[in-house]
Amino acid sequence: MRITQVRAIIVVGVLAVVAIATSWFAIANDTQTAQGDDCPPGSVPVSLKLAEEEDVAVRVLNATDNAGLADQASAQLTDYGFEVIETGNSDKEELEAQVEIHFGPDTVADAHLLRSYFADSARFFSLEYEEDYVEVILGPGFQQLNTKSDARNALSVIGWPEAPEGTCPMKE
């Protein structure tokens, strides 16, 4: 090899190392995403990191005349790995969807994951909701949960969780 070829290989190699190092530094120190410290005054920081099913606590309530509906859904959720902490009947008479998912600042990502298991569900966020579980209310149109693979497909369609109004995403 000639000296000019060796010099060219060295220059290209150094440029490649510099490009890789610069890219890694830019990605590792990205500041474009909102962080909990950057929350506007009065906003509540929320985690948008999706949990595994085993880490999600759920309370399932039946708002229909169909006895045992909450127990059936709870059994399916338990089979999928969710922690069902309670089942029962709801006092709510009219629902806005087949399934209502109620959650607060501590359970935003958990509710998003559960949403993928329930077709035609409506989400209800409240800053005053202080429970560490997600409440699911089953209405008259509810028939069954999505399978785990259908839920994964639904997640790919609905995307990542977003911070509800009055909140901002935490830095994870």
N, C-alpha and C. Protein backbone atom coordinates (compact mmCIF):
# COMPACT_ATOMS: atom_id res chain seq x y z
N MET A 1 0.83 -1.18 0.00
CA MET A 1 0.00 0.00 0.00
C MET A 1 0.88 1.24 0.00
N ARG A 2 0.39 2.20 -0.65
CA ARG A 2 1.12 3.45 -0.70
C ARG A 2 0.80 4.28 0.54
N ILE A 3 1.64 5.23 0.79
CA ILE A 3 1.47 6.10 1.96
C ILE A 3 0.18 6.91 1.86
N THR A 4 -0.23 7.28 0.65
CA THR A 4 -1.47 8.05 0.50
C THR A 4 -2.69 7.20 0.83
N GLN A 5 -2.63 5.93 0.50
CA GLN A 5 -3.75 5.04 0.84
C GLN A 5 -3.84 4.84 2.35
N VAL A 6 -2.72 4.66 3.01
CA VAL A 6 -2.70 4.49 4.46
C VAL A 6 -3.23 5.75 5.14
N ARG A 7 -2.79 6.90 4.66
CA ARG A 7 -3.24 8.16 5.21
C ARG A 7 -4.76 8.31 5.04
N ALA A 8 -5.29 7.95 3.89
CA ALA A 8 -6.73 8.04 3.63
C ALA A 8 -7.51 7.11 4.56
N ILE A 9 -7.01 5.91 4.77
CA ILE A 9 -7.68 4.95 5.67
C ILE A 9 -7.68 5.49 7.10
N ILE A 10 -6.57 6.07 7.53
CA ILE A 10 -6.49 6.63 8.89
C ILE A 10 -7.47 7.79 9.05
N VAL A 11 -7.53 8.68 8.07
CA VAL A 11 -8.45 9.83 8.14
C VAL A 11 -9.90 9.35 8.19
N VAL A 12 -10.27 8.42 7.35
CA VAL A 12 -11.64 7.88 7.34
C VAL A 12 -11.95 7.20 8.68
N GLY A 13 -11.01 6.45 9.22
CA GLY A 13 -11.21 5.78 10.50
C GLY A 13 -11.42 6.77 11.64
N VAL A 14 -10.59 7.82 11.68
CA VAL A 14 -10.73 8.85 12.72
C VAL A 14 -12.07 9.56 12.58
N LEU A 15 -12.46 9.90 11.35
CA LEU A 15 -13.76 10.54 11.14
C LEU A 15 -14.92 9.64 11.59
N ALA A 16 -14.84 8.36 11.35
CA ALA A 16 -15.89 7.42 11.77
C ALA A 16 -15.98 7.38 13.29
N VAL A 17 -14.83 7.32 13.97
CA VAL A 17 -14.83 7.30 15.44
C VAL A 17 -15.42 8.59 16.00
N VAL A 18 -15.05 9.73 15.43
CA VAL A 18 -15.59 11.02 15.88
C VAL A 18 -17.10 11.07 15.65
N ALA A 19 -17.58 10.60 14.51
CA ALA A 19 -19.01 10.61 14.21
C ALA A 19 -19.78 9.73 15.19
N ILE A 20 -19.27 8.56 15.49
CA ILE A 20 -19.93 7.65 16.44
C ILE A 20 -19.95 8.26 17.83
N ALA A 21 -18.83 8.82 18.26
CA ALA A 21 -18.76 9.43 19.60
C ALA A 21 -19.70 10.62 19.71
N THR A 22 -19.76 11.45 18.69
CA THR A 22 -20.64 12.62 18.70
C THR A 22 -22.11 12.19 18.73
N SER A 23 -22.46 11.19 17.94
CA SER A 23 -23.85 10.70 17.93
C SER A 23 -24.23 10.13 19.29
N TRP A 24 -23.37 9.34 19.87
CA TRP A 24 -23.65 8.76 21.19
C TRP A 24 -23.83 9.86 22.23
N PHE A 25 -22.97 10.86 22.22
CA PHE A 25 -23.06 11.96 23.18
C PHE A 25 -24.37 12.72 23.00
N ALA A 26 -24.77 12.98 21.76
CA ALA A 26 -26.01 13.72 21.49
C ALA A 26 -27.23 12.94 21.97
N ILE A 27 -27.25 11.64 21.75
CA ILE A 27 -28.38 10.82 22.18
C ILE A 27 -28.42 10.71 23.70
N ALA A 28 -27.28 10.49 24.32
CA ALA A 28 -27.22 10.31 25.77
C ALA A 28 -27.58 11.59 26.52
N ASN A 29 -27.34 12.74 25.94
CA ASN A 29 -27.59 14.01 26.62
C ASN A 29 -28.74 14.79 26.00
N ASP A 30 -29.69 14.09 25.39
CA ASP A 30 -30.84 14.73 24.76
C ASP A 30 -31.67 15.47 25.79
N THR A 31 -31.95 16.73 25.54
CA THR A 31 -32.74 17.53 26.48
C THR A 31 -34.02 18.04 25.85
N GLN A 32 -34.42 17.48 24.73
CA GLN A 32 -35.62 17.96 24.06
C GLN A 32 -36.90 17.45 24.70
N THR A 33 -36.86 16.31 25.38
CA THR A 33 -38.06 15.80 26.02
C THR A 33 -38.28 16.54 27.33
N ALA A 34 -39.54 16.75 27.66
CA ALA A 34 -39.88 17.44 28.91
C ALA A 34 -39.48 16.58 30.10
N GLN A 35 -39.03 17.22 31.13
CA GLN A 35 -38.62 16.52 32.33
C GLN A 35 -39.45 17.02 33.49
N GLY A 36 -39.52 16.21 34.54
CA GLY A 36 -40.29 16.58 35.72
C GLY A 36 -39.84 17.90 36.30
N ASP A 37 -38.55 18.21 36.21
CA ASP A 37 -38.06 19.47 36.75
C ASP A 37 -38.54 20.66 35.92
N ASP A 38 -38.95 20.41 34.69
CA ASP A 38 -39.38 21.48 33.80
C ASP A 38 -40.89 21.68 33.83
N CYS A 39 -41.57 21.10 34.79
CA CYS A 39 -43.02 21.20 34.87
C CYS A 39 -43.44 22.64 35.10
N PRO A 40 -44.48 23.08 34.40
CA PRO A 40 -45.03 24.40 34.70
C PRO A 40 -45.59 24.41 36.12
N PRO A 41 -45.65 25.57 36.74
CA PRO A 41 -46.20 25.64 38.10
C PRO A 41 -47.61 25.06 38.15
N GLY A 42 -47.85 24.23 39.15
CA GLY A 42 -49.16 23.61 39.32
C GLY A 42 -49.32 22.28 38.61
N SER A 43 -48.40 21.94 37.72
CA SER A 43 -48.48 20.65 37.02
C SER A 43 -47.91 19.54 37.90
N VAL A 44 -48.48 18.37 37.75
CA VAL A 44 -48.05 17.20 38.52
C VAL A 44 -47.19 16.32 37.63
N PRO A 45 -45.96 15.98 38.06
CA PRO A 45 -45.15 15.06 37.25
C PRO A 45 -45.74 13.65 37.26
N VAL A 46 -45.78 13.02 36.09
CA VAL A 46 -46.30 11.66 35.97
C VAL A 46 -45.31 10.79 35.21
N SER A 47 -45.27 9.52 35.56
CA SER A 47 -44.43 8.56 34.86
C SER A 47 -45.18 8.03 33.65
N LEU A 48 -44.52 8.03 32.52
CA LEU A 48 -45.12 7.50 31.29
C LEU A 48 -44.44 6.20 30.87
N LYS A 49 -43.65 5.63 31.76
CA LYS A 49 -42.94 4.39 31.46
C LYS A 49 -43.91 3.22 31.62
N LEU A 50 -44.11 2.47 30.53
CA LEU A 50 -45.03 1.34 30.58
C LEU A 50 -44.49 0.26 31.51
N ALA A 51 -45.36 -0.22 32.36
CA ALA A 51 -44.99 -1.29 33.29
C ALA A 51 -45.32 -2.64 32.67
N GLU A 52 -44.81 -3.68 33.27
CA GLU A 52 -45.21 -5.03 32.90
C GLU A 52 -46.55 -5.31 33.58
N GLU A 53 -47.30 -6.26 33.04
CA GLU A 53 -48.60 -6.59 33.59
C GLU A 53 -48.53 -6.91 35.08
N GLU A 54 -47.47 -7.61 35.50
CA GLU A 54 -47.34 -8.03 36.91
C GLU A 54 -47.26 -6.84 37.86
N ASP A 55 -46.88 -5.68 37.35
CA ASP A 55 -46.71 -4.50 38.19
C ASP A 55 -47.93 -3.60 38.21
N VAL A 56 -49.01 -4.01 37.56
CA VAL A 56 -50.21 -3.18 37.46
C VAL A 56 -51.32 -3.74 38.35
N ALA A 57 -51.80 -2.91 39.27
CA ALA A 57 -52.90 -3.29 40.16
C ALA A 57 -54.21 -2.77 39.58
N VAL A 58 -55.25 -3.61 39.63
CA VAL A 58 -56.53 -3.28 39.01
C VAL A 58 -57.68 -3.59 39.96
N ARG A 59 -58.66 -2.72 39.95
CA ARG A 59 -59.93 -2.96 40.64
C ARG A 59 -60.98 -3.07 39.54
N VAL A 60 -61.71 -4.17 39.49
CA VAL A 60 -62.67 -4.42 38.41
C VAL A 60 -64.08 -4.37 38.98
N LEU A 61 -64.92 -3.50 38.40
CA LEU A 61 -66.30 -3.34 38.86
C LEU A 61 -67.27 -3.63 37.72
N ASN A 62 -68.40 -4.21 38.08
CA ASN A 62 -69.45 -4.59 37.14
C ASN A 62 -70.58 -3.57 37.23
N ALA A 63 -70.89 -2.90 36.12
CA ALA A 63 -71.99 -1.94 36.08
C ALA A 63 -73.15 -2.48 35.25
N THR A 64 -73.29 -3.81 35.21
CA THR A 64 -74.37 -4.43 34.44
C THR A 64 -75.21 -5.32 35.34
N ASP A 65 -76.28 -5.86 34.77
CA ASP A 65 -77.11 -6.83 35.49
C ASP A 65 -76.56 -8.25 35.32
N ASN A 66 -75.50 -8.40 34.56
CA ASN A 66 -74.89 -9.69 34.28
C ASN A 66 -74.01 -10.10 35.46
N ALA A 67 -74.54 -10.95 36.32
CA ALA A 67 -73.80 -11.37 37.53
C ALA A 67 -72.52 -12.10 37.15
N GLY A 68 -71.45 -11.78 37.85
CA GLY A 68 -70.18 -12.48 37.65
C GLY A 68 -69.30 -11.92 36.55
N LEU A 69 -69.74 -10.85 35.90
CA LEU A 69 -68.95 -10.28 34.80
C LEU A 69 -67.59 -9.78 35.28
N ALA A 70 -67.57 -9.11 36.42
CA ALA A 70 -66.30 -8.61 36.98
C ALA A 70 -65.38 -9.77 37.34
N ASP A 71 -65.96 -10.85 37.86
CA ASP A 71 -65.14 -12.02 38.21
C ASP A 71 -64.52 -12.66 36.97
N GLN A 72 -65.30 -12.73 35.88
CA GLN A 72 -64.77 -13.30 34.63
C GLN A 72 -63.62 -12.46 34.09
N ALA A 73 -63.83 -11.14 34.06
CA ALA A 73 -62.78 -10.25 33.56
C ALA A 73 -61.55 -10.30 34.47
N SER A 74 -61.79 -10.39 35.77
CA SER A 74 -60.67 -10.47 36.73
C SER A 74 -59.86 -11.74 36.52
N ALA A 75 -60.54 -12.83 36.24
CA ALA A 75 -59.84 -14.09 35.99
C ALA A 75 -58.95 -13.97 34.75
N GLN A 76 -59.48 -13.34 33.70
CA GLN A 76 -58.68 -13.13 32.49
C GLN A 76 -57.48 -12.23 32.78
N LEU A 77 -57.72 -11.14 33.50
CA LEU A 77 -56.62 -10.22 33.83
C LEU A 77 -55.55 -10.92 34.66
N THR A 78 -55.98 -11.74 35.60
CA THR A 78 -55.03 -12.50 36.43
C THR A 78 -54.23 -13.46 35.56
N ASP A 79 -54.89 -14.12 34.61
CA ASP A 79 -54.19 -15.02 33.69
C ASP A 79 -53.12 -14.27 32.88
N TYR A 80 -53.39 -13.00 32.56
CA TYR A 80 -52.44 -12.20 31.79
C TYR A 80 -51.34 -11.62 32.68
N GLY A 81 -51.47 -11.80 34.00
CA GLY A 81 -50.41 -11.36 34.90
C GLY A 81 -50.73 -10.13 35.73
N PHE A 82 -51.87 -9.50 35.51
CA PHE A 82 -52.24 -8.32 36.29
C PHE A 82 -52.55 -8.71 37.73
N GLU A 83 -52.37 -7.77 38.65
CA GLU A 83 -52.73 -7.99 40.04
C GLU A 83 -54.12 -7.40 40.27
N VAL A 84 -55.12 -8.26 40.35
CA VAL A 84 -56.49 -7.80 40.61
C VAL A 84 -56.66 -7.72 42.11
N ILE A 85 -56.88 -6.51 42.61
CA ILE A 85 -56.96 -6.32 44.06
C ILE A 85 -58.38 -6.41 44.59
N GLU A 86 -59.36 -6.21 43.71
CA GLU A 86 -60.75 -6.25 44.17
C GLU A 86 -61.69 -6.36 42.98
N THR A 87 -62.79 -7.06 43.18
CA THR A 87 -63.88 -7.08 42.20
C THR A 87 -65.16 -6.74 42.94
N GLY A 88 -66.14 -6.27 42.20
CA GLY A 88 -67.41 -5.93 42.84
C GLY A 88 -68.35 -5.31 41.84
N ASN A 89 -69.40 -4.71 42.38
CA ASN A 89 -70.41 -4.04 41.56
C ASN A 89 -70.23 -2.54 41.65
N SER A 90 -70.54 -1.86 40.57
CA SER A 90 -70.45 -0.40 40.52
C SER A 90 -71.83 0.21 40.72
N ASP A 91 -71.86 1.36 41.36
CA ASP A 91 -73.12 2.09 41.53
C ASP A 91 -73.45 2.92 40.30
N LYS A 92 -72.50 3.03 39.39
CA LYS A 92 -72.68 3.85 38.20
C LYS A 92 -73.72 3.21 37.29
N GLU A 93 -74.69 4.00 36.85
CA GLU A 93 -75.77 3.44 36.04
C GLU A 93 -75.54 3.61 34.54
N GLU A 94 -74.94 4.73 34.13
CA GLU A 94 -74.69 4.95 32.71
C GLU A 94 -73.21 5.17 32.48
N LEU A 95 -72.68 4.43 31.53
CA LEU A 95 -71.27 4.56 31.18
C LEU A 95 -71.14 5.23 29.82
N GLU A 96 -70.01 5.87 29.60
CA GLU A 96 -69.78 6.56 28.33
C GLU A 96 -69.20 5.64 27.26
N ALA A 97 -68.86 4.41 27.64
CA ALA A 97 -68.31 3.43 26.71
C ALA A 97 -68.60 2.04 27.28
N GLN A 98 -68.21 1.01 26.55
CA GLN A 98 -68.40 -0.35 27.05
C GLN A 98 -67.59 -0.58 28.32
N VAL A 99 -66.46 0.09 28.41
CA VAL A 99 -65.57 -0.02 29.57
C VAL A 99 -65.05 1.37 29.91
N GLU A 100 -65.07 1.72 31.19
CA GLU A 100 -64.48 2.97 31.65
C GLU A 100 -63.24 2.64 32.47
N ILE A 101 -62.16 3.36 32.20
CA ILE A 101 -60.90 3.17 32.93
C ILE A 101 -60.62 4.46 33.69
N HIS A 102 -60.63 4.37 35.03
CA HIS A 102 -60.42 5.53 35.89
C HIS A 102 -59.03 5.44 36.52
N PHE A 103 -58.31 6.57 36.50
CA PHE A 103 -56.93 6.56 37.00
C PHE A 103 -56.50 7.96 37.39
N GLY A 104 -55.36 8.02 38.05
CA GLY A 104 -54.82 9.30 38.50
C GLY A 104 -53.36 9.45 38.12
N PRO A 105 -52.69 10.44 38.70
CA PRO A 105 -51.30 10.73 38.34
C PRO A 105 -50.34 9.56 38.55
N ASP A 106 -50.58 8.73 39.54
CA ASP A 106 -49.67 7.62 39.82
C ASP A 106 -49.87 6.42 38.90
N THR A 107 -50.94 6.42 38.12
CA THR A 107 -51.27 5.23 37.33
C THR A 107 -51.54 5.54 35.85
N VAL A 108 -50.95 6.60 35.34
CA VAL A 108 -51.18 6.99 33.94
C VAL A 108 -50.72 5.89 32.97
N ALA A 109 -49.50 5.43 33.13
CA ALA A 109 -48.96 4.41 32.21
C ALA A 109 -49.67 3.07 32.41
N ASP A 110 -50.05 2.76 33.66
CA ASP A 110 -50.77 1.52 33.94
C ASP A 110 -52.12 1.51 33.22
N ALA A 111 -52.82 2.65 33.27
CA ALA A 111 -54.12 2.76 32.59
C ALA A 111 -53.95 2.63 31.09
N HIS A 112 -52.86 3.16 30.57
CA HIS A 112 -52.60 3.06 29.13
C HIS A 112 -52.41 1.60 28.72
N LEU A 113 -51.66 0.86 29.53
CA LEU A 113 -51.47 -0.57 29.25
C LEU A 113 -52.81 -1.31 29.32
N LEU A 114 -53.61 -1.03 30.33
CA LEU A 114 -54.91 -1.69 30.45
C LEU A 114 -55.83 -1.34 29.28
N ARG A 115 -55.73 -0.12 28.81
CA ARG A 115 -56.55 0.31 27.67
C ARG A 115 -56.36 -0.62 26.48
N SER A 116 -55.16 -1.14 26.30
CA SER A 116 -54.90 -2.02 25.16
C SER A 116 -55.62 -3.36 25.28
N TYR A 117 -56.03 -3.73 26.48
CA TYR A 117 -56.73 -5.00 26.69
C TYR A 117 -58.25 -4.85 26.55
N PHE A 118 -58.75 -3.62 26.55
CA PHE A 118 -60.19 -3.40 26.47
C PHE A 118 -60.53 -2.61 25.22
N ALA A 119 -61.23 -3.26 24.28
CA ALA A 119 -61.70 -2.55 23.09
C ALA A 119 -62.82 -1.61 23.51
N ASP A 120 -62.96 -0.51 22.82
CA ASP A 120 -64.00 0.48 23.09
C ASP A 120 -64.02 0.89 24.56
N SER A 121 -62.89 1.36 25.03
CA SER A 121 -62.83 1.84 26.41
C SER A 121 -62.65 3.35 26.42
N ALA A 122 -63.19 3.97 27.45
CA ALA A 122 -63.02 5.41 27.66
C ALA A 122 -62.16 5.61 28.89
N ARG A 123 -61.22 6.55 28.79
CA ARG A 123 -60.32 6.80 29.92
C ARG A 123 -60.77 8.06 30.65
N PHE A 124 -60.71 7.99 31.99
CA PHE A 124 -61.09 9.12 32.82
C PHE A 124 -59.97 9.41 33.81
N PHE A 125 -59.28 10.52 33.57
CA PHE A 125 -58.17 10.92 34.43
C PHE A 125 -58.64 11.99 35.40
N SER A 126 -58.17 11.89 36.63
CA SER A 126 -58.48 12.90 37.63
C SER A 126 -57.24 13.15 38.48
N LEU A 127 -56.89 14.42 38.65
CA LEU A 127 -55.77 14.75 39.52
C LEU A 127 -56.06 14.38 40.97
N GLU A 128 -57.34 14.30 41.33
CA GLU A 128 -57.72 13.97 42.70
C GLU A 128 -57.70 12.46 42.97
N TYR A 129 -57.59 11.65 41.94
CA TYR A 129 -57.56 10.19 42.09
C TYR A 129 -56.22 9.81 42.70
N GLU A 130 -56.23 9.36 43.93
CA GLU A 130 -54.98 9.11 44.66
C GLU A 130 -54.69 7.63 44.88
N GLU A 131 -55.47 6.76 44.30
CA GLU A 131 -55.27 5.32 44.49
C GLU A 131 -54.03 4.85 43.73
N ASP A 132 -53.47 3.74 44.17
CA ASP A 132 -52.30 3.18 43.48
C ASP A 132 -52.71 2.04 42.55
N TYR A 133 -53.97 2.01 42.19
CA TYR A 133 -54.50 1.02 41.26
C TYR A 133 -55.37 1.72 40.22
N VAL A 134 -55.64 1.02 39.14
CA VAL A 134 -56.53 1.52 38.09
C VAL A 134 -57.89 0.88 38.30
N GLU A 135 -58.94 1.69 38.19
CA GLU A 135 -60.30 1.16 38.35
C GLU A 135 -60.92 0.97 36.96
N VAL A 136 -61.40 -0.24 36.72
CA VAL A 136 -62.03 -0.59 35.45
C VAL A 136 -63.49 -0.89 35.72
N ILE A 137 -64.39 -0.18 35.03
CA ILE A 137 -65.83 -0.40 35.19
C ILE A 137 -66.36 -0.99 33.89
N LEU A 138 -66.94 -2.19 33.99
CA LEU A 138 -67.44 -2.90 32.82
C LEU A 138 -68.90 -2.55 32.59
N GLY A 139 -69.22 -2.16 31.36
CA GLY A 139 -70.58 -1.79 31.00
C GLY A 139 -71.29 -2.89 30.23
N PRO A 140 -72.55 -2.63 29.84
CA PRO A 140 -73.37 -3.64 29.17
C PRO A 140 -72.79 -4.17 27.86
N GLY A 141 -72.02 -3.38 27.14
CA GLY A 141 -71.47 -3.83 25.86
C GLY A 141 -70.21 -4.67 25.98
N PHE A 142 -69.65 -4.78 27.18
CA PHE A 142 -68.41 -5.53 27.34
C PHE A 142 -68.66 -7.02 27.19
N GLN A 143 -67.77 -7.69 26.40
CA GLN A 143 -67.89 -9.13 26.23
C GLN A 143 -66.65 -9.87 26.69
N GLN A 144 -65.47 -9.40 26.28
CA GLN A 144 -64.24 -10.08 26.70
C GLN A 144 -63.05 -9.15 26.51
N LEU A 145 -61.94 -9.52 27.13
CA LEU A 145 -60.69 -8.78 26.98
C LEU A 145 -60.02 -9.18 25.68
N ASN A 146 -59.16 -8.30 25.19
CA ASN A 146 -58.30 -8.67 24.07
C ASN A 146 -57.31 -9.72 24.53
N THR A 147 -56.85 -10.55 23.62
CA THR A 147 -55.78 -11.49 23.95
C THR A 147 -54.50 -10.69 24.14
N LYS A 148 -53.49 -11.35 24.67
CA LYS A 148 -52.22 -10.66 24.90
C LYS A 148 -51.62 -10.15 23.59
N SER A 149 -51.71 -10.96 22.54
CA SER A 149 -51.15 -10.51 21.25
C SER A 149 -51.99 -9.38 20.65
N ASP A 150 -53.32 -9.43 20.81
CA ASP A 150 -54.16 -8.33 20.35
C ASP A 150 -53.86 -7.05 21.13
N ALA A 151 -53.59 -7.20 22.42
CA ALA A 151 -53.26 -6.04 23.25
C ALA A 151 -51.95 -5.41 22.79
N ARG A 152 -50.97 -6.24 22.44
CA ARG A 152 -49.69 -5.71 21.94
C ARG A 152 -49.91 -4.97 20.62
N ASN A 153 -50.77 -5.53 19.76
CA ASN A 153 -51.09 -4.84 18.51
C ASN A 153 -51.79 -3.52 18.78
N ALA A 154 -52.71 -3.53 19.73
CA ALA A 154 -53.42 -2.30 20.09
C ALA A 154 -52.45 -1.25 20.62
N LEU A 155 -51.47 -1.69 21.41
CA LEU A 155 -50.46 -0.75 21.92
C LEU A 155 -49.68 -0.11 20.79
N SER A 156 -49.39 -0.90 19.76
CA SER A 156 -48.64 -0.32 18.64
C SER A 156 -49.49 0.71 17.89
N VAL A 157 -50.81 0.55 17.92
CA VAL A 157 -51.70 1.50 17.25
C VAL A 157 -51.89 2.76 18.10
N ILE A 158 -52.15 2.58 19.41
CA ILE A 158 -52.42 3.76 20.26
C ILE A 158 -51.14 4.48 20.67
N GLY A 159 -50.00 3.83 20.52
CA GLY A 159 -48.73 4.50 20.80
C GLY A 159 -48.40 4.60 22.27
N TRP A 160 -47.46 5.47 22.58
CA TRP A 160 -47.00 5.66 23.96
C TRP A 160 -47.99 6.50 24.74
N PRO A 161 -48.01 6.34 26.05
CA PRO A 161 -48.89 7.18 26.86
C PRO A 161 -48.47 8.64 26.78
N GLU A 162 -49.45 9.51 26.91
CA GLU A 162 -49.19 10.94 26.92
C GLU A 162 -49.60 11.50 28.26
N ALA A 163 -48.94 12.56 28.67
CA ALA A 163 -49.26 13.19 29.95
C ALA A 163 -50.61 13.89 29.84
N PRO A 164 -51.56 13.55 30.73
CA PRO A 164 -52.87 14.21 30.70
C PRO A 164 -52.76 15.69 31.07
N GLU A 165 -53.82 16.42 30.81
CA GLU A 165 -53.86 17.84 31.14
C GLU A 165 -53.63 18.04 32.64
N GLY A 166 -52.81 19.02 32.96
CA GLY A 166 -52.49 19.30 34.35
C GLY A 166 -51.28 18.54 34.86
N THR A 167 -50.64 17.77 33.96
CA THR A 167 -49.47 16.98 34.34
C THR A 167 -48.34 17.24 33.35
N CYS A 168 -47.17 16.72 33.67
CA CYS A 168 -46.05 16.76 32.74
C CYS A 168 -45.24 15.49 32.94
N PRO A 169 -44.59 15.00 31.88
CA PRO A 169 -43.84 13.74 32.00
C PRO A 169 -42.59 13.90 32.86
N MET A 170 -42.34 12.87 33.68
CA MET A 170 -41.13 12.84 34.50
C MET A 170 -39.97 12.32 33.67
N LYS A 171 -38.78 12.71 34.07
CA LYS A 171 -37.59 12.13 33.45
C LYS A 171 -37.39 10.77 34.08
N GLU A 172 -37.29 9.74 33.26
CA GLU A 172 -37.15 8.36 33.76
C GLU A 172 -35.72 7.93 33.69
